[in-house]
Amino acid sequence: MDLGAVRRLVTVTHHKLLSRTLTSEDGEKIRKLAQTMVMLEEKLGERTEQEVKTSGEYHQKVGEILDFLDRTKERSLAKMEKLQLRFS
């Protein structure tokens, strides 16, 4: 998989975030994509300022996706705890 393909998949996943259709399975996929993206970027060696800026934008998208998934998980856990307290 090349860097362009990885970035396209990150963009597709980010669109899922914006449309609120993101799932926990997407979280696992985005973690693997982020690792692949970093590995491919390291292989490129020296990069121009524009390439660094573009890379930063995609890493920011990955961060937004992971933050959203973490917040969703925390809210779900809080709801579960409330339900357990209510029925115990």
PDB file of N, CA and C in Angstrom:
ATOM      1  N   MET A   1       0.857  -1.168   0.000  1.00  0.00           N
ATOM      2  CA  MET A   1       0.000   0.000   0.000  1.00  0.00           C
ATOM      3  C   MET A   1       0.905   1.233   0.000  1.00  0.00           C
ATOM      4  N   ASP A   2       0.617   2.165  -0.882  1.00  0.00           N
ATOM      5  CA  ASP A   2       1.437   3.369  -0.945  1.00  0.00           C
ATOM      6  C   ASP A   2       0.852   4.471  -0.059  1.00  0.00           C
ATOM      7  N   LEU A   3       1.609   5.525   0.103  1.00  0.00           N
ATOM      8  CA  LEU A   3       1.223   6.615   0.996  1.00  0.00           C
ATOM      9  C   LEU A   3      -0.075   7.279   0.541  1.00  0.00           C
ATOM     10  N   GLY A   4      -0.263   7.421  -0.762  1.00  0.00           N
ATOM     11  CA  GLY A   4      -1.490   8.024  -1.282  1.00  0.00           C
ATOM     12  C   GLY A   4      -2.723   7.220  -0.915  1.00  0.00           C
ATOM     13  N   ALA A   5      -2.621   5.903  -1.007  1.00  0.00           N
ATOM     14  CA  ALA A   5      -3.750   5.037  -0.655  1.00  0.00           C
ATOM     15  C   ALA A   5      -4.068   5.133   0.834  1.00  0.00           C
ATOM     16  N   VAL A   6      -3.036   5.168   1.654  1.00  0.00           N
ATOM     17  CA  VAL A   6      -3.241   5.291   3.100  1.00  0.00           C
ATOM     18  C   VAL A   6      -3.930   6.613   3.413  1.00  0.00           C
ATOM     19  N   ARG A   7      -3.480   7.680   2.782  1.00  0.00           N
ATOM     20  CA  ARG A   7      -4.082   8.995   3.034  1.00  0.00           C
ATOM     21  C   ARG A   7      -5.531   9.046   2.559  1.00  0.00           C
ATOM     22  N   ARG A   8      -5.842   8.375   1.457  1.00  0.00           N
ATOM     23  CA  ARG A   8      -7.233   8.334   0.997  1.00  0.00           C
ATOM     24  C   ARG A   8      -8.110   7.616   2.016  1.00  0.00           C
ATOM     25  N   LEU A   9      -7.621   6.511   2.568  1.00  0.00           N
ATOM     26  CA  LEU A   9      -8.383   5.781   3.578  1.00  0.00           C
ATOM     27  C   LEU A   9      -8.557   6.601   4.852  1.00  0.00           C
ATOM     28  N   VAL A  10      -7.546   7.372   5.222  1.00  0.00           N
ATOM     29  CA  VAL A  10      -7.666   8.263   6.379  1.00  0.00           C
ATOM     30  C   VAL A  10      -8.748   9.305   6.106  1.00  0.00           C
ATOM     31  N   THR A  11      -8.776   9.847   4.893  1.00  0.00           N
ATOM     32  CA  THR A  11      -9.781  10.845   4.534  1.00  0.00           C
ATOM     33  C   THR A  11     -11.183  10.244   4.567  1.00  0.00           C
ATOM     34  N   VAL A  12     -11.340   9.037   4.047  1.00  0.00           N
ATOM     35  CA  VAL A  12     -12.647   8.370   4.069  1.00  0.00           C
ATOM     36  C   VAL A  12     -13.109   8.163   5.507  1.00  0.00           C
ATOM     37  N   THR A  13     -12.203   7.720   6.355  1.00  0.00           N
ATOM     38  CA  THR A  13     -12.541   7.502   7.761  1.00  0.00           C
ATOM     39  C   THR A  13     -12.870   8.822   8.444  1.00  0.00           C
ATOM     40  N   HIS A  14     -12.173   9.886   8.087  1.00  0.00           N
ATOM     41  CA  HIS A  14     -12.452  11.201   8.666  1.00  0.00           C
ATOM     42  C   HIS A  14     -13.843  11.677   8.245  1.00  0.00           C
ATOM     43  N   HIS A  15     -14.254  11.375   7.022  1.00  0.00           N
ATOM     44  CA  HIS A  15     -15.609  11.724   6.579  1.00  0.00           C
ATOM     45  C   HIS A  15     -16.654  10.958   7.388  1.00  0.00           C
ATOM     46  N   LYS A  16     -16.342   9.724   7.766  1.00  0.00           N
ATOM     47  CA  LYS A  16     -17.243   8.968   8.632  1.00  0.00           C
ATOM     48  C   LYS A  16     -17.386   9.664   9.982  1.00  0.00           C
ATOM     49  N   LEU A  17     -16.285  10.222  10.464  1.00  0.00           N
ATOM     50  CA  LEU A  17     -16.320  10.967  11.725  1.00  0.00           C
ATOM     51  C   LEU A  17     -17.264  12.151  11.600  1.00  0.00           C
ATOM     52  N   LEU A  18     -17.134  12.893  10.514  1.00  0.00           N
ATOM     53  CA  LEU A  18     -17.962  14.076  10.317  1.00  0.00           C
ATOM     54  C   LEU A  18     -19.434  13.717  10.173  1.00  0.00           C
ATOM     55  N   SER A  19     -19.722  12.550   9.609  1.00  0.00           N
ATOM     56  CA  SER A  19     -21.114  12.129   9.445  1.00  0.00           C
ATOM     57  C   SER A  19     -21.608  11.298  10.633  1.00  0.00           C
ATOM     58  N   ARG A  20     -20.768  11.141  11.635  1.00  0.00           N
ATOM     59  CA  ARG A  20     -21.089  10.408  12.870  1.00  0.00           C
ATOM     60  C   ARG A  20     -21.454   8.946  12.610  1.00  0.00           C
ATOM     61  N   THR A  21     -20.799   8.331  11.635  1.00  0.00           N
ATOM     62  CA  THR A  21     -21.031   6.914  11.344  1.00  0.00           C
ATOM     63  C   THR A  21     -19.795   6.079  11.649  1.00  0.00           C
ATOM     64  N   LEU A  22     -18.929   6.596  12.470  1.00  0.00           N
ATOM     65  CA  LEU A  22     -17.684   5.927  12.832  1.00  0.00           C
ATOM     66  C   LEU A  22     -17.969   4.800  13.821  1.00  0.00           C
ATOM     67  N   THR A  23     -17.287   3.677  13.680  1.00  0.00           N
ATOM     68  CA  THR A  23     -17.473   2.544  14.585  1.00  0.00           C
ATOM     69  C   THR A  23     -16.145   2.189  15.255  1.00  0.00           C
ATOM     70  N   SER A  24     -16.213   1.317  16.236  1.00  0.00           N
ATOM     71  CA  SER A  24     -14.985   0.893  16.913  1.00  0.00           C
ATOM     72  C   SER A  24     -14.077   0.117  15.960  1.00  0.00           C
ATOM     73  N   GLU A  25     -14.661  -0.574  14.984  1.00  0.00           N
ATOM     74  CA  GLU A  25     -13.846  -1.273  13.983  1.00  0.00           C
ATOM     75  C   GLU A  25     -13.006  -0.278  13.192  1.00  0.00           C
ATOM     76  N   ASP A  26     -13.584   0.896  12.923  1.00  0.00           N
ATOM     77  CA  ASP A  26     -12.833   1.937  12.228  1.00  0.00           C
ATOM     78  C   ASP A  26     -11.653   2.396  13.073  1.00  0.00           C
ATOM     79  N   GLY A  27     -11.814   2.351  14.389  1.00  0.00           N
ATOM     80  CA  GLY A  27     -10.728   2.734  15.279  1.00  0.00           C
ATOM     81  C   GLY A  27      -9.521   1.830  15.122  1.00  0.00           C
ATOM     82  N   GLU A  28      -9.777   0.530  15.036  1.00  0.00           N
ATOM     83  CA  GLU A  28      -8.676  -0.416  14.832  1.00  0.00           C
ATOM     84  C   GLU A  28      -8.017  -0.188  13.479  1.00  0.00           C
ATOM     85  N   LYS A  29      -8.831   0.055  12.463  1.00  0.00           N
ATOM     86  CA  LYS A  29      -8.292   0.284  11.122  1.00  0.00           C
ATOM     87  C   LYS A  29      -7.443   1.550  11.082  1.00  0.00           C
ATOM     88  N   ILE A  30      -7.913   2.612  11.749  1.00  0.00           N
ATOM     89  CA  ILE A  30      -7.190   3.889  11.683  1.00  0.00           C
ATOM     90  C   ILE A  30      -5.871   3.786  12.436  1.00  0.00           C
ATOM     91  N   ARG A  31      -5.829   3.003  13.495  1.00  0.00           N
ATOM     92  CA  ARG A  31      -4.559   2.804  14.209  1.00  0.00           C
ATOM     93  C   ARG A  31      -3.538   2.112  13.306  1.00  0.00           C
ATOM     94  N   LYS A  32      -3.990   1.097  12.585  1.00  0.00           N
ATOM     95  CA  LYS A  32      -3.092   0.394  11.662  1.00  0.00           C
ATOM     96  C   LYS A  32      -2.666   1.311  10.516  1.00  0.00           C
ATOM     97  N   LEU A  33      -3.613   2.112  10.014  1.00  0.00           N
ATOM     98  CA  LEU A  33      -3.281   3.048   8.937  1.00  0.00           C
ATOM     99  C   LEU A  33      -2.263   4.077   9.403  1.00  0.00           C
ATOM    100  N   ALA A  34      -2.417   4.559  10.631  1.00  0.00           N
ATOM    101  CA  ALA A  34      -1.480   5.552  11.162  1.00  0.00           C
ATOM    102  C   ALA A  34      -0.076   4.959  11.262  1.00  0.00           C
ATOM    103  N   GLN A  35       0.013   3.722  11.727  1.00  0.00           N
ATOM    104  CA  GLN A  35       1.320   3.066  11.813  1.00  0.00           C
ATOM    105  C   GLN A  35       1.935   2.894  10.430  1.00  0.00           C
ATOM    106  N   THR A  36       1.113   2.504   9.465  1.00  0.00           N
ATOM    107  CA  THR A  36       1.595   2.338   8.094  1.00  0.00           C
ATOM    108  C   THR A  36       2.049   3.668   7.521  1.00  0.00           C
ATOM    109  N   MET A  37       1.268   4.723   7.792  1.00  0.00           N
ATOM    110  CA  MET A  37       1.597   6.051   7.279  1.00  0.00           C
ATOM    111  C   MET A  37       2.946   6.517   7.832  1.00  0.00           C
ATOM    112  N   VAL A  38       3.168   6.331   9.110  1.00  0.00           N
ATOM    113  CA  VAL A  38       4.436   6.734   9.725  1.00  0.00           C
ATOM    114  C   VAL A  38       5.595   5.945   9.124  1.00  0.00           C
ATOM    115  N   MET A  39       5.393   4.653   8.948  1.00  0.00           N
ATOM    116  CA  MET A  39       6.442   3.807   8.386  1.00  0.00           C
ATOM    117  C   MET A  39       6.791   4.246   6.957  1.00  0.00           C
ATOM    118  N   LEU A  40       5.775   4.526   6.150  1.00  0.00           N
ATOM    119  CA  LEU A  40       6.014   4.960   4.770  1.00  0.00           C
ATOM    120  C   LEU A  40       6.681   6.331   4.718  1.00  0.00           C
ATOM    121  N   GLU A  41       6.281   7.223   5.619  1.00  0.00           N
ATOM    122  CA  GLU A  41       6.880   8.562   5.646  1.00  0.00           C
ATOM    123  C   GLU A  41       8.348   8.500   6.060  1.00  0.00           C
ATOM    124  N   GLU A  42       8.673   7.595   6.971  1.00  0.00           N
ATOM    125  CA  GLU A  42      10.071   7.443   7.385  1.00  0.00           C
ATOM    126  C   GLU A  42      10.935   6.937   6.235  1.00  0.00           C
ATOM    127  N   LYS A  43      10.363   6.104   5.385  1.00  0.00           N
ATOM    128  CA  LYS A  43      11.108   5.574   4.240  1.00  0.00           C
ATOM    129  C   LYS A  43      11.394   6.652   3.196  1.00  0.00           C
ATOM    130  N   LEU A  44      10.565   7.706   3.170  1.00  0.00           N
ATOM    131  CA  LEU A  44      10.745   8.765   2.178  1.00  0.00           C
ATOM    132  C   LEU A  44      12.017   9.567   2.405  1.00  0.00           C
ATOM    133  N   GLY A  45      12.463   9.635   3.634  1.00  0.00           N
ATOM    134  CA  GLY A  45      13.670  10.414   3.933  1.00  0.00           C
ATOM    135  C   GLY A  45      13.358  11.897   3.994  1.00  0.00           C
ATOM    136  N   GLU A  46      14.197  12.700   3.350  1.00  0.00           N
ATOM    137  CA  GLU A  46      14.008  14.152   3.381  1.00  0.00           C
ATOM    138  C   GLU A  46      12.763  14.536   2.590  1.00  0.00           C
ATOM    139  N   ARG A  47      12.022  15.489   3.171  1.00  0.00           N
ATOM    140  CA  ARG A  47      10.790  15.931   2.522  1.00  0.00           C
ATOM    141  C   ARG A  47      10.762  17.443   2.455  1.00  0.00           C
ATOM    142  N   THR A  48       9.987  17.957   1.527  1.00  0.00           N
ATOM    143  CA  THR A  48       9.844  19.403   1.397  1.00  0.00           C
ATOM    144  C   THR A  48       8.925  19.920   2.493  1.00  0.00           C
ATOM    145  N   GLU A  49       8.903  21.231   2.629  1.00  0.00           N
ATOM    146  CA  GLU A  49       8.043  21.853   3.635  1.00  0.00           C
ATOM    147  C   GLU A  49       6.574  21.540   3.358  1.00  0.00           C
ATOM    148  N   GLN A  50       6.190  21.513   2.085  1.00  0.00           N
ATOM    149  CA  GLN A  50       4.805  21.206   1.718  1.00  0.00           C
ATOM    150  C   GLN A  50       4.438  19.766   2.091  1.00  0.00           C
ATOM    151  N   GLU A  51       5.346  18.841   1.872  1.00  0.00           N
ATOM    152  CA  GLU A  51       5.090  17.447   2.236  1.00  0.00           C
ATOM    153  C   GLU A  51       4.937  17.290   3.748  1.00  0.00           C
ATOM    154  N   VAL A  52       5.739  18.028   4.502  1.00  0.00           N
ATOM    155  CA  VAL A  52       5.641  17.984   5.963  1.00  0.00           C
ATOM    156  C   VAL A  52       4.295  18.555   6.409  1.00  0.00           C
ATOM    157  N   LYS A  53       3.869  19.639   5.772  1.00  0.00           N
ATOM    158  CA  LYS A  53       2.581  20.258   6.108  1.00  0.00           C
ATOM    159  C   LYS A  53       1.430  19.299   5.796  1.00  0.00           C
ATOM    160  N   THR A  54       1.487  18.665   4.631  1.00  0.00           N
ATOM    161  CA  THR A  54       0.450  17.706   4.243  1.00  0.00           C
ATOM    162  C   THR A  54       0.412  16.535   5.215  1.00  0.00           C
ATOM    163  N   SER A  55       1.572  16.042   5.575  1.00  0.00           N
ATOM    164  CA  SER A  55       1.657  14.947   6.532  1.00  0.00           C
ATOM    165  C   SER A  55       1.030  15.345   7.863  1.00  0.00           C
ATOM    166  N   GLY A  56       1.315  16.549   8.310  1.00  0.00           N
ATOM    167  CA  GLY A  56       0.748  17.039   9.561  1.00  0.00           C
ATOM    168  C   GLY A  56      -0.765  17.098   9.526  1.00  0.00           C
ATOM    169  N   GLU A  57      -1.317  17.484   8.375  1.00  0.00           N
ATOM    170  CA  GLU A  57      -2.775  17.550   8.237  1.00  0.00           C
ATOM    171  C   GLU A  57      -3.401  16.164   8.379  1.00  0.00           C
ATOM    172  N   TYR A  58      -2.772  15.164   7.789  1.00  0.00           N
ATOM    173  CA  TYR A  58      -3.308  13.804   7.889  1.00  0.00           C
ATOM    174  C   TYR A  58      -3.146  13.242   9.294  1.00  0.00           C
ATOM    175  N   HIS A  59      -2.050  13.560   9.951  1.00  0.00           N
ATOM    176  CA  HIS A  59      -1.875  13.112  11.333  1.00  0.00           C
ATOM    177  C   HIS A  59      -2.887  13.801  12.249  1.00  0.00           C
ATOM    178  N   GLN A  60      -3.236  15.036  11.936  1.00  0.00           N
ATOM    179  CA  GLN A  60      -4.258  15.734  12.706  1.00  0.00           C
ATOM    180  C   GLN A  60      -5.610  15.042  12.534  1.00  0.00           C
ATOM    181  N   LYS A  61      -5.926  14.620  11.318  1.00  0.00           N
ATOM    182  CA  LYS A  61      -7.180  13.896  11.077  1.00  0.00           C
ATOM    183  C   LYS A  61      -7.216  12.606  11.886  1.00  0.00           C
ATOM    184  N   VAL A  62      -6.103  11.885  11.906  1.00  0.00           N
ATOM    185  CA  VAL A  62      -6.027  10.648  12.690  1.00  0.00           C
ATOM    186  C   VAL A  62      -6.263  10.962  14.165  1.00  0.00           C
ATOM    187  N   GLY A  63      -5.656  12.027  14.657  1.00  0.00           N
ATOM    188  CA  GLY A  63      -5.842  12.423  16.051  1.00  0.00           C
ATOM    189  C   GLY A  63      -7.285  12.756  16.370  1.00  0.00           C
ATOM    190  N   GLU A  64      -7.960  13.462  15.466  1.00  0.00           N
ATOM    191  CA  GLU A  64      -9.370  13.799  15.671  1.00  0.00           C
ATOM    192  C   GLU A  64     -10.230  12.541  15.732  1.00  0.00           C
ATOM    193  N   ILE A  65      -9.944  11.593  14.869  1.00  0.00           N
ATOM    194  CA  ILE A  65     -10.703  10.337  14.853  1.00  0.00           C
ATOM    195  C   ILE A  65     -10.504   9.585  16.164  1.00  0.00           C
ATOM    196  N   LEU A  66      -9.262   9.464  16.605  1.00  0.00           N
ATOM    197  CA  LEU A  66      -8.978   8.735  17.844  1.00  0.00           C
ATOM    198  C   LEU A  66      -9.565   9.450  19.061  1.00  0.00           C
ATOM    199  N   ASP A  67      -9.519  10.783  19.084  1.00  0.00           N
ATOM    200  CA  ASP A  67     -10.130  11.539  20.183  1.00  0.00           C
ATOM    201  C   ASP A  67     -11.632  11.293  20.243  1.00  0.00           C
ATOM    202  N   PHE A  68     -12.277  11.313  19.074  1.00  0.00           N
ATOM    203  CA  PHE A  68     -13.719  11.071  19.027  1.00  0.00           C
ATOM    204  C   PHE A  68     -14.050   9.680  19.559  1.00  0.00           C
ATOM    205  N   LEU A  69     -13.288   8.688  19.135  1.00  0.00           N
ATOM    206  CA  LEU A  69     -13.540   7.324  19.596  1.00  0.00           C
ATOM    207  C   LEU A  69     -13.316   7.189  21.097  1.00  0.00           C
ATOM    208  N   ASP A  70     -12.302   7.862  21.627  1.00  0.00           N
ATOM    209  CA  ASP A  70     -12.054   7.828  23.075  1.00  0.00           C
ATOM    210  C   ASP A  70     -13.201   8.472  23.844  1.00  0.00           C
ATOM    211  N   ARG A  71     -13.676   9.623  23.359  1.00  0.00           N
ATOM    212  CA  ARG A  71     -14.802  10.293  24.028  1.00  0.00           C
ATOM    213  C   ARG A  71     -16.059   9.432  23.981  1.00  0.00           C
ATOM    214  N   THR A  72     -16.301   8.804  22.846  1.00  0.00           N
ATOM    215  CA  THR A  72     -17.468   7.937  22.706  1.00  0.00           C
ATOM    216  C   THR A  72     -17.376   6.756  23.664  1.00  0.00           C
ATOM    217  N   LYS A  73     -16.201   6.180  23.782  1.00  0.00           N
ATOM    218  CA  LYS A  73     -15.999   5.053  24.690  1.00  0.00           C
ATOM    219  C   LYS A  73     -16.234   5.478  26.135  1.00  0.00           C
ATOM    220  N   GLU A  74     -15.711   6.649  26.515  1.00  0.00           N
ATOM    221  CA  GLU A  74     -15.892   7.141  27.883  1.00  0.00           C
ATOM    222  C   GLU A  74     -17.364   7.377  28.192  1.00  0.00           C
ATOM    223  N   ARG A  75     -18.103   7.952  27.236  1.00  0.00           N
ATOM    224  CA  ARG A  75     -19.536   8.184  27.445  1.00  0.00           C
ATOM    225  C   ARG A  75     -20.284   6.863  27.587  1.00  0.00           C
ATOM    226  N   SER A  76     -19.930   5.896  26.779  1.00  0.00           N
ATOM    227  CA  SER A  76     -20.587   4.590  26.854  1.00  0.00           C
ATOM    228  C   SER A  76     -20.311   3.918  28.193  1.00  0.00           C
ATOM    229  N   LEU A  77     -19.082   4.010  28.657  1.00  0.00           N
ATOM    230  CA  LEU A  77     -18.744   3.422  29.956  1.00  0.00           C
ATOM    231  C   LEU A  77     -19.492   4.112  31.088  1.00  0.00           C
ATOM    232  N   ALA A  78     -19.628   5.422  31.008  1.00  0.00           N
ATOM    233  CA  ALA A  78     -20.365   6.159  32.033  1.00  0.00           C
ATOM    234  C   ALA A  78     -21.834   5.738  32.044  1.00  0.00           C
ATOM    235  N   LYS A  79     -22.413   5.558  30.870  1.00  0.00           N
ATOM    236  CA  LYS A  79     -23.810   5.117  30.787  1.00  0.00           C
ATOM    237  C   LYS A  79     -23.968   3.716  31.363  1.00  0.00           C
ATOM    238  N   MET A  80     -23.008   2.846  31.068  1.00  0.00           N
ATOM    239  CA  MET A  80     -23.064   1.481  31.600  1.00  0.00           C
ATOM    240  C   MET A  80     -23.001   1.488  33.124  1.00  0.00           C
ATOM    241  N   GLU A  81     -22.134   2.317  33.679  1.00  0.00           N
ATOM    242  CA  GLU A  81     -22.010   2.398  35.134  1.00  0.00           C
ATOM    243  C   GLU A  81     -23.305   2.890  35.760  1.00  0.00           C
ATOM    244  N   LYS A  82     -23.939   3.877  35.139  1.00  0.00           N
ATOM    245  CA  LYS A  82     -25.216   4.382  35.656  1.00  0.00           C
ATOM    246  C   LYS A  82     -26.282   3.301  35.622  1.00  0.00           C
ATOM    247  N   LEU A  83     -26.323   2.542  34.537  1.00  0.00           N
ATOM    248  CA  LEU A  83     -27.302   1.461  34.437  1.00  0.00           C
ATOM    249  C   LEU A  83     -27.038   0.377  35.471  1.00  0.00           C
ATOM    250  N   GLN A  84     -25.777   0.059  35.697  1.00  0.00           N
ATOM    251  CA  GLN A  84     -25.448  -0.958  36.694  1.00  0.00           C
ATOM    252  C   GLN A  84     -25.848  -0.499  38.085  1.00  0.00           C
ATOM    253  N   LEU A  85     -25.623   0.766  38.387  1.00  0.00           N
ATOM    254  CA  LEU A  85     -26.015   1.296  39.694  1.00  0.00           C
ATOM    255  C   LEU A  85     -27.531   1.296  39.850  1.00  0.00           C
ATOM    256  N   ARG A  86     -28.220   1.606  38.780  1.00  0.00           N
ATOM    257  CA  ARG A  86     -29.678   1.676  38.823  1.00  0.00           C
ATOM    258  C   ARG A  86     -30.287   0.300  39.076  1.00  0.00           C
ATOM    259  N   PHE A  87     -29.705  -0.738  38.512  1.00  0.00           N
ATOM    260  CA  PHE A  87     -30.288  -2.071  38.629  1.00  0.00           C
ATOM    261  C   PHE A  87     -29.623  -2.939  39.694  1.00  0.00           C
ATOM    262  N   SER A  88     -28.763  -2.357  40.499  1.00  0.00           N
ATOM    263  CA  SER A  88     -28.132  -3.163  41.549  1.00  0.00           C
ATOM    264  C   SER A  88     -28.704  -2.854  42.907  1.00  0.00           C
TER     265      SER A  88
END
